[in-house]
C-alpha atoms as a PDB file:
ATOM      1  CA  MET A   1     102.730 -90.306-105.324  1.00  0.00           C
ATOM      2  CA  LYS A   2     103.347 -92.509-102.309  1.00  0.00           C
ATOM      3  CA  ILE A   3     106.676 -94.167-101.539  1.00  0.00           C
ATOM      4  CA  THR A   4     107.046 -96.942 -99.017  1.00  0.00           C
ATOM      5  CA  ALA A   5     110.496 -97.860 -97.805  1.00  0.00           C
ATOM      6  CA  GLU A   6     112.023-100.524 -95.624  1.00  0.00           C
ATOM      7  CA  TRP A   7     115.300-100.305 -93.750  1.00  0.00           C
ATOM      8  CA  ASP A   8     117.482-102.911 -92.155  1.00  0.00           C
ATOM      9  CA  SER A   9     118.532-100.671 -89.284  1.00  0.00           C
ATOM     10  CA  ILE A  10     117.609 -97.481 -87.495  1.00  0.00           C
ATOM     11  CA  GLU A  11     120.829 -95.905 -88.700  1.00  0.00           C
ATOM     12  CA  GLU A  12     119.846 -96.597 -92.307  1.00  0.00           C
ATOM     13  CA  MET A  13     116.397 -95.053 -91.720  1.00  0.00           C
ATOM     14  CA  ASN A  14     117.876 -91.929 -90.066  1.00  0.00           C
ATOM     15  CA  GLU A  15     120.294 -91.445 -92.968  1.00  0.00           C
ATOM     16  CA  PHE A  16     117.426 -91.663 -95.439  1.00  0.00           C
ATOM     17  CA  ALA A  17     115.308 -89.212 -93.401  1.00  0.00           C
ATOM     18  CA  ARG A  18     118.183 -86.703 -93.272  1.00  0.00           C
ATOM     19  CA  LYS A  19     118.589 -86.789 -97.026  1.00  0.00           C
ATOM     20  CA  ILE A  20     114.879 -86.387 -97.674  1.00  0.00           C
ATOM     21  CA  THR A  21     114.381 -83.557 -95.208  1.00  0.00           C
ATOM     22  CA  SER A  22     117.429 -81.697 -96.489  1.00  0.00           C
ATOM     23  CA  SER A  23     115.836 -81.602 -99.927  1.00  0.00           C
ATOM     24  CA  ALA A  24     112.662 -79.921 -98.525  1.00  0.00           C
ATOM     25  CA  GLY A  25     113.898 -76.500 -99.648  1.00  0.00           C
ATOM     26  CA  THR A  26     113.920 -77.620-103.281  1.00  0.00           C
ATOM     27  CA  GLY A  27     110.173 -77.497-103.664  1.00  0.00           C
ATOM     28  CA  ILE A  28     109.636 -81.111-102.816  1.00  0.00           C
ATOM     29  CA  ARG A  29     106.959 -81.628-100.256  1.00  0.00           C
ATOM     30  CA  VAL A  30     108.037 -84.044 -97.562  1.00  0.00           C
ATOM     31  CA  GLU A  31     105.625 -85.492 -95.065  1.00  0.00           C
ATOM     32  CA  THR A  32     106.921 -87.501 -92.251  1.00  0.00           C
ATOM     33  CA  ALA A  33     105.049 -90.199 -90.552  1.00  0.00           C
ATOM     34  CA  VAL A  34     105.736 -92.246 -87.516  1.00  0.00           C
ATOM     35  CA  ALA A  35     108.074 -94.920 -88.577  1.00  0.00           C
ATOM     36  CA  THR A  36     107.892 -98.309 -87.029  1.00  0.00           C
ATOM     37  CA  ILE A  37     110.631-100.779 -87.100  1.00  0.00           C
ATOM     38  CA  GLU A  38     109.551-104.323 -87.093  1.00  0.00           C
ATOM     39  CA  GLU A  39     112.022-106.634 -85.580  1.00  0.00           C
ATOM     40  CA  LYS A  40     112.814-109.393 -87.881  1.00  0.00           C
ATOM     41  CA  ALA A  41     112.080-112.702 -86.300  1.00  0.00           C
ATOM     42  CA  VAL A  42     115.339-114.486 -85.869  1.00  0.00           C
ATOM     43  CA  PRO A  43     114.818-118.151 -85.263  1.00  0.00           C
ATOM     44  CA  LEU A  44     116.453-119.215 -82.080  1.00  0.00           C
ATOM     45  CA  ILE A  45     118.605-122.231 -82.335  1.00  0.00           C
ATOM     46  CA  LYS A  46     117.525-124.603 -79.668  1.00  0.00           C
ATOM     47  CA  VAL A  47     120.285-126.857 -78.541  1.00  0.00           C
ATOM     48  CA  PRO A  48     118.846-130.196 -77.637  1.00  0.00           C
ATOM     49  CA  GLU A  49     119.537-131.279 -74.131  1.00  0.00           C
ATOM     50  CA  ALA A  50     122.265-133.813 -73.944  1.00  0.00           C
ATOM     51  CA  GLU A  51     120.934-137.248 -73.381  1.00  0.00           C
ATOM     52  CA  PRO A  52     122.573-139.081 -70.543  1.00  0.00           C
ATOM     53  CA  LYS A  53     125.349-141.113 -71.963  1.00  0.00           C
ATOM     54  CA  GLU A  54     125.515-144.747 -71.184  1.00  0.00           C
ATOM     55  CA  GLU A  55     128.729-145.848 -69.653  1.00  0.00           C
ATOM     56  CA  PRO A  56     130.638-147.885 -72.199  1.00  0.00           C
ATOM     57  CA  ALA A  57     130.763-151.539 -71.407  1.00  0.00           C
ATOM     58  CA  GLN A  58     133.983-152.413 -69.729  1.00  0.00           C
ATOM     59  CA  VAL A  59     136.121-154.608 -71.827  1.00  0.00           C
ATOM     60  CA  ILE A  60     138.138-156.893 -69.685  1.00  0.00           C
ATOM     61  CA  MET A  61     141.428-157.482 -71.317  1.00  0.00           C
ATOM     62  CA  PRO A  62     143.414-160.514 -70.357  1.00  0.00           C
ATOM     63  CA  ALA A  63     146.408-159.691 -68.244  1.00  0.00           C
ATOM     64  CA  PRO A  64     149.488-159.417 -70.375  1.00  0.00           C
ATOM     65  CA  GLU A  65     151.802-162.311 -70.114  1.00  0.00           C
ATOM     66  CA  PRO A  66     154.820-161.381 -68.077  1.00  0.00           C
ATOM     67  CA  ALA A  67     157.839-160.675 -70.150  1.00  0.00           C
ATOM     68  CA  PRO A  68     160.290-163.493 -70.071  1.00  0.00           C
ATOM     69  CA  ALA A  69     162.981-162.897 -67.550  1.00  0.00           C
ATOM     70  CA  PRO A  70     166.124-161.701 -69.219  1.00  0.00           C
ATOM     71  CA  LYS A  71     168.608-164.463 -69.592  1.00  0.00           C
ATOM     72  CA  ARG A  72     171.052-164.323 -66.795  1.00  0.00           C
ATOM     73  CA  THR A  73     174.615-163.849 -67.848  1.00  0.00           C
ATOM     74  CA  VAL A  74     176.687-166.404 -66.001  1.00  0.00           C
ATOM     75  CA  THR A  75     180.450-166.516 -66.009  1.00  0.00           C
ATOM     76  CA  ARG A  76     182.546-169.638 -65.708  1.00  0.00           C
ATOM     77  CA  GLN A  77     184.058-168.139 -62.549  1.00  0.00           C
ATOM     78  CA  GLU A  78     180.590-167.988 -60.932  1.00  0.00           C
ATOM     79  CA  ILE A  79     179.987-171.644 -61.827  1.00  0.00           C
ATOM     80  CA  GLN A  80     183.386-172.599 -60.489  1.00  0.00           C
ATOM     81  CA  GLY A  81     182.712-170.754 -57.200  1.00  0.00           C
ATOM     82  CA  LYS A  82     179.326-172.460 -56.783  1.00  0.00           C
ATOM     83  CA  ALA A  83     180.823-175.892 -57.639  1.00  0.00           C
ATOM     84  CA  ILE A  84     183.575-175.417 -55.048  1.00  0.00           C
ATOM     85  CA  ALA A  85     180.939-174.496 -52.435  1.00  0.00           C
ATOM     86  CA  LEU A  86     179.025-177.725 -53.289  1.00  0.00           C
ATOM     87  CA  MET A  87     182.159-179.856 -52.978  1.00  0.00           C
ATOM     88  CA  ASP A  88     182.979-178.192 -49.632  1.00  0.00           C
ATOM     89  CA  ALA A  89     179.442-179.095 -48.511  1.00  0.00           C
ATOM     90  CA  GLY A  90     180.101-182.745 -49.421  1.00  0.00           C
ATOM     91  CA  LYS A  91     177.855-182.739 -52.508  1.00  0.00           C
ATOM     92  CA  GLN A  92     180.389-184.068 -55.030  1.00  0.00           C
ATOM     93  CA  ASP A  93     177.909-186.734 -56.216  1.00  0.00           C
ATOM     94  CA  GLN A  94     175.254-184.082 -57.115  1.00  0.00           C
ATOM     95  CA  LEU A  95     177.911-182.059 -58.971  1.00  0.00           C
ATOM     96  CA  GLN A  96     179.020-185.172 -60.916  1.00  0.00           C
ATOM     97  CA  ALA A  97     175.349-185.937 -61.753  1.00  0.00           C
ATOM     98  CA  LEU A  98     174.959-182.426 -63.230  1.00  0.00           C
ATOM     99  CA  LEU A  99     178.092-182.840 -65.358  1.00  0.00           C
ATOM    100  CA  THR A 100     176.677-186.145 -66.635  1.00  0.00           C
ATOM    101  CA  LYS A 101     173.278-184.481 -67.312  1.00  0.00           C
ATOM    102  CA  TYR A 102     174.990-181.886 -69.507  1.00  0.00           C
ATOM    103  CA  GLY A 103     177.213-184.503 -71.136  1.00  0.00           C
ATOM    104  CA  VAL A 104     180.492-182.879 -70.148  1.00  0.00           C
ATOM    105  CA  PRO A 105     183.463-184.348 -68.252  1.00  0.00           C
ATOM    106  CA  ALA A 106     184.374-181.138 -66.386  1.00  0.00           C
ATOM    107  CA  LEU A 107     183.229-177.555 -65.743  1.00  0.00           C
ATOM    108  CA  PRO A 108     185.351-175.961 -68.518  1.00  0.00           C
ATOM    109  CA  SER A 109     183.591-178.199 -71.083  1.00  0.00           C
ATOM    110  CA  ILE A 110     180.112-176.688 -70.506  1.00  0.00           C
ATOM    111  CA  PRO A 111     178.981-174.911 -73.724  1.00  0.00           C
ATOM    112  CA  GLU A 112     178.494-171.103 -73.442  1.00  0.00           C
ATOM    113  CA  ASP A 113     174.786-171.322 -74.286  1.00  0.00           C
ATOM    114  CA  GLN A 114     174.205-173.751 -71.366  1.00  0.00           C
ATOM    115  CA  LEU A 115     176.040-171.833 -68.622  1.00  0.00           C
ATOM    116  CA  ALA A 116     172.872-170.137 -67.265  1.00  0.00           C
ATOM    117  CA  ALA A 117     170.925-173.433 -67.180  1.00  0.00           C
ATOM    118  CA  PHE A 118     173.834-175.242 -65.503  1.00  0.00           C
ATOM    119  CA  MET A 119     174.075-172.480 -62.863  1.00  0.00           C
ATOM    120  CA  ALA A 120     170.317-172.714 -62.200  1.00  0.00           C
ATOM    121  CA  ASP A 121     170.689-176.471 -61.648  1.00  0.00           C
ATOM    122  CA  LEU A 122     173.700-175.886 -59.389  1.00  0.00           C
ATOM    123  CA  GLU A 123     171.713-173.421 -57.286  1.00  0.00           C
ATOM    124  CA  ALA A 124     168.846-175.911 -57.010  1.00  0.00           C
ATOM    125  CA  VAL A 125     171.101-178.542 -55.416  1.00  0.00           C
END
C-alpha cells in the first residue's frame, strides 16, 4: 500500500512524521522518503501605477458683492452739532435747502428713519 500526503506547512509535515515514526515499534513498516515542499504560487497583486492627475480646471467665481455697510446710527444731537457748524460757516441756505428736501420745517421734525440720510447730506455740504 502506498500513501501520498500533502501538508500546508513544514510544521504540519513534521507532526505527521513524528506520529508515523513513533508507531514503527508496532510492527508497521515505515519508509521515509525525501519530502519536498512545493511553494504554493501566491499571485502578487500588482498595484497599477498612478496616472498623473490632471489639474482640475480653475473655476473663477465672481467676487462676492460687498456687504452693505451697516446703517449708521445717528443721534439728533449729532445732527444738531453738524447743523450749528454749517450755520457758523455761513451755510444757512444749504441747511434750509436740506430741510425743504426732507419736507420738514426744523431739525426736530426729521423722522427717525431718515436721520442717517439727513446726516450724510449734511456732511456732503
